[in-house]
Amino acid sequence: MITEITQQEYEQIDHLQPMLVEFYSKTCGPCKMLSFVLKDISKKQPDFPIYIIDFDENRELKEQLGVKGFPTMLFFKDGAEVSRLEGLKQKPAIIKEIEAIA
């Protein structure tokens, strides 16, 4: 499940569940390529939540989470960030992180 959220919605989600939060920009080529990878992962793991957040429209949240560029993927478990991948990554690397927290 991929859901685009804002900072306000981010603050309301259940942070205790394992999840992936990706910061992207609409003008970013690698972000567009990564979106296809995340859609494929979502089809194979529909119960694992993937949230996407527009880097440019949620500046306060990106600063709060220490996100400096895009794409950036944050992996959360039990309310805490447990790992982070920056830049375009291949599907096996992302799945490895998901399996480590799921």
N, C-alpha and C. Protein backbone atom coordinates (compact mmCIF):
# COMPACT_ATOMS: atom_id res chain seq x y z
N MET A 1 0.84 -1.17 0.00
CA MET A 1 0.00 0.00 0.00
C MET A 1 0.89 1.24 0.00
N ILE A 2 0.77 2.07 -1.03
CA ILE A 2 1.49 3.33 -1.12
C ILE A 2 0.48 4.46 -0.92
N THR A 3 0.79 5.35 0.03
CA THR A 3 -0.09 6.45 0.34
C THR A 3 0.73 7.74 0.39
N GLU A 4 0.30 8.74 -0.35
CA GLU A 4 0.96 10.05 -0.26
C GLU A 4 0.37 10.80 0.92
N ILE A 5 1.25 11.33 1.77
CA ILE A 5 0.80 12.02 2.97
C ILE A 5 1.52 13.36 3.12
N THR A 6 0.93 14.20 3.96
CA THR A 6 1.51 15.49 4.31
C THR A 6 2.10 15.38 5.72
N GLN A 7 2.73 16.46 6.17
CA GLN A 7 3.28 16.46 7.52
C GLN A 7 2.20 16.21 8.56
N GLN A 8 1.06 16.84 8.40
CA GLN A 8 -0.04 16.67 9.36
C GLN A 8 -0.49 15.21 9.41
N GLU A 9 -0.60 14.58 8.24
CA GLU A 9 -1.01 13.17 8.19
C GLU A 9 0.10 12.28 8.76
N TYR A 10 1.35 12.62 8.53
CA TYR A 10 2.48 11.86 9.07
C TYR A 10 2.39 11.81 10.59
N GLU A 11 2.05 12.94 11.18
CA GLU A 11 1.98 13.01 12.64
C GLU A 11 0.83 12.17 13.21
N GLN A 12 -0.13 11.79 12.38
CA GLN A 12 -1.30 11.04 12.84
C GLN A 12 -1.21 9.54 12.58
N ILE A 13 -0.23 9.09 11.80
CA ILE A 13 -0.16 7.65 11.51
C ILE A 13 0.42 6.88 12.70
N ASP A 14 0.17 5.60 12.72
CA ASP A 14 0.65 4.71 13.78
C ASP A 14 2.13 4.42 13.55
N HIS A 15 2.98 5.08 14.32
CA HIS A 15 4.42 4.92 14.14
C HIS A 15 4.98 3.65 14.77
N LEU A 16 4.16 2.89 15.45
CA LEU A 16 4.64 1.66 16.05
C LEU A 16 4.73 0.53 15.03
N GLN A 17 3.97 0.64 13.95
CA GLN A 17 4.01 -0.39 12.91
C GLN A 17 5.27 -0.21 12.05
N PRO A 18 5.82 -1.30 11.53
CA PRO A 18 6.92 -1.17 10.57
C PRO A 18 6.41 -0.45 9.32
N MET A 19 7.23 0.47 8.79
CA MET A 19 6.81 1.21 7.61
C MET A 19 8.01 1.83 6.91
N LEU A 20 7.77 2.19 5.66
CA LEU A 20 8.75 2.90 4.85
C LEU A 20 8.17 4.27 4.53
N VAL A 21 8.98 5.31 4.76
CA VAL A 21 8.58 6.67 4.42
C VAL A 21 9.60 7.20 3.41
N GLU A 22 9.11 7.57 2.23
CA GLU A 22 10.01 8.07 1.19
C GLU A 22 9.75 9.54 0.92
N PHE A 23 10.82 10.33 0.93
CA PHE A 23 10.74 11.73 0.53
C PHE A 23 11.15 11.82 -0.93
N TYR A 24 10.35 12.51 -1.72
CA TYR A 24 10.60 12.62 -3.16
C TYR A 24 10.34 14.05 -3.61
N SER A 25 10.75 14.34 -4.84
CA SER A 25 10.43 15.61 -5.48
C SER A 25 9.83 15.31 -6.85
N LYS A 26 8.84 16.09 -7.23
CA LYS A 26 8.17 15.88 -8.52
C LYS A 26 9.11 16.11 -9.70
N THR A 27 10.18 16.87 -9.50
CA THR A 27 11.11 17.18 -10.59
C THR A 27 12.33 16.25 -10.60
N CYS A 28 12.35 15.26 -9.76
CA CYS A 28 13.51 14.38 -9.58
C CYS A 28 13.38 13.11 -10.44
N GLY A 29 14.29 12.95 -11.40
CA GLY A 29 14.29 11.75 -12.25
C GLY A 29 14.45 10.46 -11.48
N PRO A 30 15.47 10.36 -10.58
CA PRO A 30 15.61 9.14 -9.79
C PRO A 30 14.38 8.83 -8.94
N CYS A 31 13.69 9.88 -8.47
CA CYS A 31 12.47 9.66 -7.68
C CYS A 31 11.39 8.99 -8.52
N LYS A 32 11.29 9.42 -9.77
CA LYS A 32 10.29 8.82 -10.67
C LYS A 32 10.62 7.36 -10.94
N MET A 33 11.91 7.05 -11.12
CA MET A 33 12.30 5.65 -11.34
C MET A 33 12.04 4.82 -10.08
N LEU A 34 12.32 5.40 -8.92
CA LEU A 34 12.10 4.70 -7.66
C LEU A 34 10.61 4.42 -7.45
N SER A 35 9.75 5.29 -7.94
CA SER A 35 8.31 5.08 -7.75
C SER A 35 7.85 3.77 -8.39
N PHE A 36 8.45 3.40 -9.53
CA PHE A 36 8.11 2.12 -10.17
C PHE A 36 8.56 0.95 -9.30
N VAL A 37 9.73 1.07 -8.69
CA VAL A 37 10.24 0.01 -7.81
C VAL A 37 9.32 -0.14 -6.60
N LEU A 38 8.93 0.98 -5.99
CA LEU A 38 8.07 0.93 -4.81
C LEU A 38 6.69 0.36 -5.15
N LYS A 39 6.17 0.70 -6.34
CA LYS A 39 4.87 0.14 -6.75
C LYS A 39 4.96 -1.37 -6.88
N ASP A 40 6.06 -1.85 -7.43
CA ASP A 40 6.25 -3.30 -7.59
C ASP A 40 6.35 -3.97 -6.21
N ILE A 41 7.09 -3.37 -5.31
CA ILE A 41 7.22 -3.92 -3.96
C ILE A 41 5.85 -3.93 -3.28
N SER A 42 5.10 -2.86 -3.45
CA SER A 42 3.78 -2.75 -2.84
C SER A 42 2.83 -3.84 -3.33
N LYS A 43 2.93 -4.19 -4.60
CA LYS A 43 2.08 -5.26 -5.15
C LYS A 43 2.41 -6.60 -4.50
N LYS A 44 3.69 -6.83 -4.22
CA LYS A 44 4.11 -8.11 -3.65
C LYS A 44 3.95 -8.15 -2.14
N GLN A 45 3.92 -6.98 -1.51
CA GLN A 45 3.75 -6.90 -0.06
C GLN A 45 2.68 -5.85 0.26
N PRO A 46 1.43 -6.12 -0.10
CA PRO A 46 0.37 -5.12 0.03
C PRO A 46 0.05 -4.69 1.45
N ASP A 47 0.42 -5.49 2.44
CA ASP A 47 0.13 -5.14 3.83
C ASP A 47 1.22 -4.29 4.47
N PHE A 48 2.33 -4.09 3.77
CA PHE A 48 3.42 -3.27 4.31
C PHE A 48 3.20 -1.82 3.88
N PRO A 49 3.02 -0.91 4.84
CA PRO A 49 2.73 0.48 4.47
C PRO A 49 3.95 1.23 3.94
N ILE A 50 3.74 1.88 2.81
CA ILE A 50 4.75 2.76 2.20
C ILE A 50 4.10 4.13 2.09
N TYR A 51 4.71 5.10 2.74
CA TYR A 51 4.20 6.47 2.68
C TYR A 51 5.18 7.32 1.88
N ILE A 52 4.64 8.16 0.99
CA ILE A 52 5.50 9.05 0.23
C ILE A 52 5.14 10.49 0.60
N ILE A 53 6.20 11.32 0.71
CA ILE A 53 6.04 12.70 1.15
C ILE A 53 6.79 13.61 0.20
N ASP A 54 6.11 14.64 -0.29
CA ASP A 54 6.72 15.61 -1.19
C ASP A 54 7.74 16.44 -0.41
N PHE A 55 9.00 16.31 -0.80
CA PHE A 55 10.12 16.99 -0.17
C PHE A 55 9.92 18.50 -0.15
N ASP A 56 9.44 19.05 -1.26
CA ASP A 56 9.33 20.49 -1.41
C ASP A 56 8.15 21.09 -0.63
N GLU A 57 7.10 20.32 -0.45
CA GLU A 57 5.90 20.85 0.21
C GLU A 57 5.85 20.58 1.72
N ASN A 58 6.82 19.82 2.21
CA ASN A 58 6.83 19.46 3.64
C ASN A 58 8.21 19.74 4.24
N ARG A 59 8.65 20.97 4.07
CA ARG A 59 10.01 21.36 4.49
C ARG A 59 10.25 21.20 6.00
N GLU A 60 9.28 21.54 6.80
CA GLU A 60 9.45 21.43 8.25
C GLU A 60 9.68 19.97 8.66
N LEU A 61 8.91 19.06 8.08
CA LEU A 61 9.05 17.64 8.40
C LEU A 61 10.39 17.10 7.93
N LYS A 62 10.82 17.48 6.72
CA LYS A 62 12.11 16.99 6.23
C LYS A 62 13.24 17.45 7.12
N GLU A 63 13.15 18.68 7.61
CA GLU A 63 14.18 19.18 8.53
C GLU A 63 14.11 18.45 9.86
N GLN A 64 12.92 18.21 10.35
CA GLN A 64 12.72 17.50 11.62
C GLN A 64 13.34 16.10 11.56
N LEU A 65 13.21 15.44 10.40
CA LEU A 65 13.72 14.07 10.24
C LEU A 65 15.15 14.03 9.69
N GLY A 66 15.74 15.19 9.43
CA GLY A 66 17.11 15.24 8.94
C GLY A 66 17.28 14.77 7.50
N VAL A 67 16.25 14.96 6.69
CA VAL A 67 16.32 14.56 5.28
C VAL A 67 16.95 15.71 4.50
N LYS A 68 18.06 15.43 3.82
CA LYS A 68 18.79 16.48 3.13
C LYS A 68 18.63 16.45 1.61
N GLY A 69 18.25 15.32 1.07
CA GLY A 69 18.11 15.19 -0.38
C GLY A 69 17.00 14.21 -0.73
N PHE A 70 16.88 13.98 -2.02
CA PHE A 70 15.83 13.07 -2.47
C PHE A 70 16.34 12.24 -3.63
N PRO A 71 15.84 11.04 -3.78
CA PRO A 71 14.92 10.36 -2.86
C PRO A 71 15.63 9.90 -1.59
N THR A 72 14.91 9.92 -0.50
CA THR A 72 15.40 9.39 0.77
C THR A 72 14.31 8.49 1.34
N MET A 73 14.70 7.28 1.71
CA MET A 73 13.76 6.32 2.29
C MET A 73 14.14 6.09 3.75
N LEU A 74 13.16 6.28 4.62
CA LEU A 74 13.33 6.05 6.05
C LEU A 74 12.53 4.81 6.44
N PHE A 75 13.15 3.93 7.19
CA PHE A 75 12.48 2.70 7.62
C PHE A 75 12.26 2.80 9.13
N PHE A 76 11.00 2.63 9.54
CA PHE A 76 10.62 2.77 10.94
C PHE A 76 10.10 1.46 11.50
N LYS A 77 10.39 1.26 12.79
CA LYS A 77 9.85 0.11 13.52
C LYS A 77 9.73 0.53 14.98
N ASP A 78 8.63 0.19 15.60
CA ASP A 78 8.39 0.51 17.01
C ASP A 78 8.57 2.00 17.30
N GLY A 79 8.18 2.84 16.36
CA GLY A 79 8.20 4.28 16.57
C GLY A 79 9.53 4.96 16.34
N ALA A 80 10.54 4.22 15.91
CA ALA A 80 11.86 4.81 15.71
C ALA A 80 12.41 4.49 14.32
N GLU A 81 13.19 5.41 13.80
CA GLU A 81 13.87 5.14 12.53
C GLU A 81 14.96 4.12 12.78
N VAL A 82 14.95 3.04 11.99
CA VAL A 82 15.95 1.99 12.18
C VAL A 82 16.97 1.95 11.06
N SER A 83 16.63 2.52 9.91
CA SER A 83 17.60 2.60 8.82
C SER A 83 17.14 3.64 7.81
N ARG A 84 18.07 3.97 6.90
CA ARG A 84 17.82 5.02 5.91
C ARG A 84 18.61 4.69 4.65
N LEU A 85 17.94 4.85 3.51
CA LEU A 85 18.61 4.71 2.21
C LEU A 85 18.44 6.03 1.46
N GLU A 86 19.54 6.55 0.93
CA GLU A 86 19.48 7.80 0.20
C GLU A 86 19.85 7.55 -1.25
N GLY A 87 19.16 8.23 -2.15
CA GLY A 87 19.41 8.06 -3.58
C GLY A 87 18.62 6.89 -4.14
N LEU A 88 18.75 6.70 -5.44
CA LEU A 88 18.05 5.62 -6.12
C LEU A 88 18.68 4.29 -5.73
N LYS A 89 17.89 3.39 -5.23
CA LYS A 89 18.36 2.06 -4.83
C LYS A 89 17.60 1.00 -5.60
N GLN A 90 18.24 -0.13 -5.76
CA GLN A 90 17.63 -1.25 -6.46
C GLN A 90 16.67 -1.99 -5.52
N LYS A 91 15.74 -2.67 -6.13
CA LYS A 91 14.71 -3.40 -5.40
C LYS A 91 15.26 -4.35 -4.33
N PRO A 92 16.30 -5.15 -4.59
CA PRO A 92 16.79 -6.06 -3.55
C PRO A 92 17.25 -5.34 -2.27
N ALA A 93 17.85 -4.16 -2.41
CA ALA A 93 18.30 -3.42 -1.23
C ALA A 93 17.12 -2.94 -0.40
N ILE A 94 16.06 -2.52 -1.07
CA ILE A 94 14.88 -2.03 -0.37
C ILE A 94 14.16 -3.19 0.32
N ILE A 95 14.02 -4.30 -0.39
CA ILE A 95 13.36 -5.48 0.19
C ILE A 95 14.13 -5.99 1.40
N LYS A 96 15.46 -5.95 1.34
CA LYS A 96 16.28 -6.37 2.47
C LYS A 96 15.96 -5.54 3.71
N GLU A 97 15.82 -4.24 3.54
CA GLU A 97 15.49 -3.37 4.68
C GLU A 97 14.08 -3.66 5.20
N ILE A 98 13.14 -3.87 4.29
CA ILE A 98 11.76 -4.18 4.70
C ILE A 98 11.71 -5.49 5.47
N GLU A 99 12.40 -6.50 4.97
CA GLU A 99 12.38 -7.80 5.64
C GLU A 99 13.03 -7.74 7.02
N ALA A 100 13.98 -6.83 7.19
CA ALA A 100 14.66 -6.70 8.49
C ALA A 100 13.74 -6.13 9.57
N ILE A 101 12.69 -5.40 9.14
CA ILE A 101 11.80 -4.78 10.13
C ILE A 101 10.40 -5.37 10.15
N ALA A 102 10.04 -6.11 9.13
CA ALA A 102 8.66 -6.62 9.04
C ALA A 102 8.42 -7.76 10.01
